[in-house]
Each structure stands twice: as C-alpha cells, then as structure tokens.
C-alpha cells in the first residue's frame, strides 16, 4: 500500500488522554415493576463503546467535549486550538457513563483512505469498529454544501465498516439563530442529505438532526439523547421507576442525572419541558458549586414548610467526620460519599428536589405546590428510598 493511503498509526501517532395528578401522594411499593432487565452484560475494558466526533474544522467538536465532560465554561472555549490529531478520551473517570470519545480532526479527511474494490483499510477499521454513534458537527452559519458532501461520503464509508453505526448531526452554534431559522435550517439540511442518500445504496439510513449550542442547555439535551442510546437495556426500567415515583408523589417531572456531566440518563414519560430541564440543571450547578466551597453538611436553605433553616448534608453524619470520608476529593463533580444527600429549593409555586442515588447519580424532580402545600416529607423520603433501592438493584445486574 502506498504511504499516501495510510492513516497515522493507532499505537504511536494517536493521542490518548485519559478522562475525564389529583390523587394524594401514596406509598411506593417495594415490589413496583422495574421492567425487564435481562440481557445486561458487563462491558470489558477493551470493548467500551465508542462515540465518534467528526465534522469540519472549527465546527465546535472540541468545545463540546470540554464544556460537557471537563467543566470548561463556554467563554473559555474560544481559546482552544484546533485538534491536531485524533484525540481519544475515556469518559468513565468520575462519571457513571462508561465509553470512549474519539475527537477526529476536521482537517483529516479519512474517506480518502478508503479505496473501492480494495481490501478494508486497517486504520479505518480501527476507527469504526465498536463505534456505536457518529456525531457530525456542522456550523450552520458557514457554507455547508461541502460539509454535507463530506457527511454523505463519511456515512457511505463508515457503514461499510460498521453497518450498525448510528448517525447524529449536531447543527452547532445555533444560539445566533431564531426559532424560525432553526426550523428552516433543519428542514434544508434534512432535505439535502436525504436527497444524497436516496441516490446511494444507504437509502434506508436514519439520520437525526439536533440544534445545539454550548451557551445554553441544548447541548446537554442533545448529548443526553445520544448517551441514552448506549443505555438501551436499562432505559425502559429507569423510565418505569421514574413513572412510579412521579405518580406516587404528585411530581411534575423527574430526571436521573449523571452529576458530573449534567447528562440526564432517563426521565419519566410525561412530555419533555425544556424550561423544567434547565431549572434542574441549574440546581445541580448550585449544589455542587457550593459543595466545592463548603462542607456538604454546612450548606443550608430555607425550609419551605416552616421557613426554618434546613441543611442538605448526608443524613446521619457525625460531627467531626471528614468530608466524604477517607481519600475523598472535594469538588470532583460527584457526591462526597454514599450517604443520602438531599436538598430542596422553593420557587414560587414549585419545589425542586435533589436526592442522591449513589456517588455519581442523582434524582432531580419538580413538584407543583398548591396553596403552599407539598407532599409530606416523610412519605417522600420513604418513596425515594424505595426508588433508590430499585435503581441500585437494577444497576447491580451489570457494570456499565
């Protein structure tokens, strides 16, 4: 093979960066249906699912992963340099999520290394093998005809190496677009790429289009939808548990969050409401920003029942006990220990609840209060304990 047909060697040239209703509330039965959990299996370290970030240079791929998984502020991303070579990041560190993220430089046109009627390219096989999702990031402000042509070629090549690969398109940097422009952009891009795919052998491929921006919560919502595709075996049981909890406590909406990345792994079956999701994300930020400064047992809020001061620390913690226990690191985007950290904030006619499930997961839910009344705290706590038990039993089936 000619040297021009070779990609950089996987072992030597690719950088590897380790990561980073109206009925009253009722008691939730311990035997509430969790759903089918059969088929869950442990994932060996060498077979972690992969998510590929591809797209034109300066499209925002690196900014997305730094904002979500490295807690970088959106304004700081403007100082990031273009990715010079394939960057491989392990997301399992400090997070419930367990996958690899490959950031492919926009200047590297990998489709040129694929030759028709030639043996499979080992380097391309290394990229697309075990990949579950390909995210193509495109800037709608820039001229995107060339980017769409690259997307078409990329889809055609990648599916030859991995027919089960799912394709997602992030129409990024959409914060400068109006709602009408977003709808029109999605319509135009969908029409263009579908016309190209109809003329190819991959006419049945489904491509999802999402508008995103690192300056609002749309990127977290989009990445949540992507990561949920890696949790297909437990997604429905999670939803069943959330539905039972919401109906038992007259909650408005509930999410299970990965607290480090603010990605929600599951939500109940009620319609998704973006403002409610933004409130839940903001509560996570508030709790953990304060947790980086103060001991969790010292953070206090006004009790919405009696206007007294309540703390949000771990229940049953003793005075003088080290924060998070031996070896704990403060401010790493997870709870300091396995205790039941609980908080509640009242906002006009609603209450936000945050409850710890385990070190990396939290239940965040919203409750609409009527005449200043909310669900009895004792009943709410008992139902949450039943919910947490169901989640932990589900997660004990497999290591994800």
Foldseek 3Di string as FASTA:
>chain_A
DDPVLDDPDPPPPAAEDEDWDDDAFAFQDLPQDLDDLPPFAAADPVQFAEEEEEEAWPLCSVVLCCVQTVVDASVVCVPDDFDPAWYKYFHVPLWLDGHIYIYGGNVDLNLVSDDPPDPDHPVLLVVLPNYAEYEYGHALVDDCPVRLVSVLSVVVVSCVNPVNYAYEYEHEPCPPPDPVVVVVSVVVSVVVNQVSLVVDPNNVHDYHYAYYYSVACRSLAVVLVVSLVVVVSNASSLQSLQVSLCVNFVFDWKFKAQQQRRRTNYIYPDDDDVVVSRVQSVVSVVLQVVQLPDQQQPAWDQDLPPRHIDGQDFPPDDPPADRLHPPFDHRSRWHSAQGWGWDWDDDVQKIWIWTDLGGGIIMITMHGHDPSDGRPPVSSVSNVVSSSVSVVVSCVVYRD
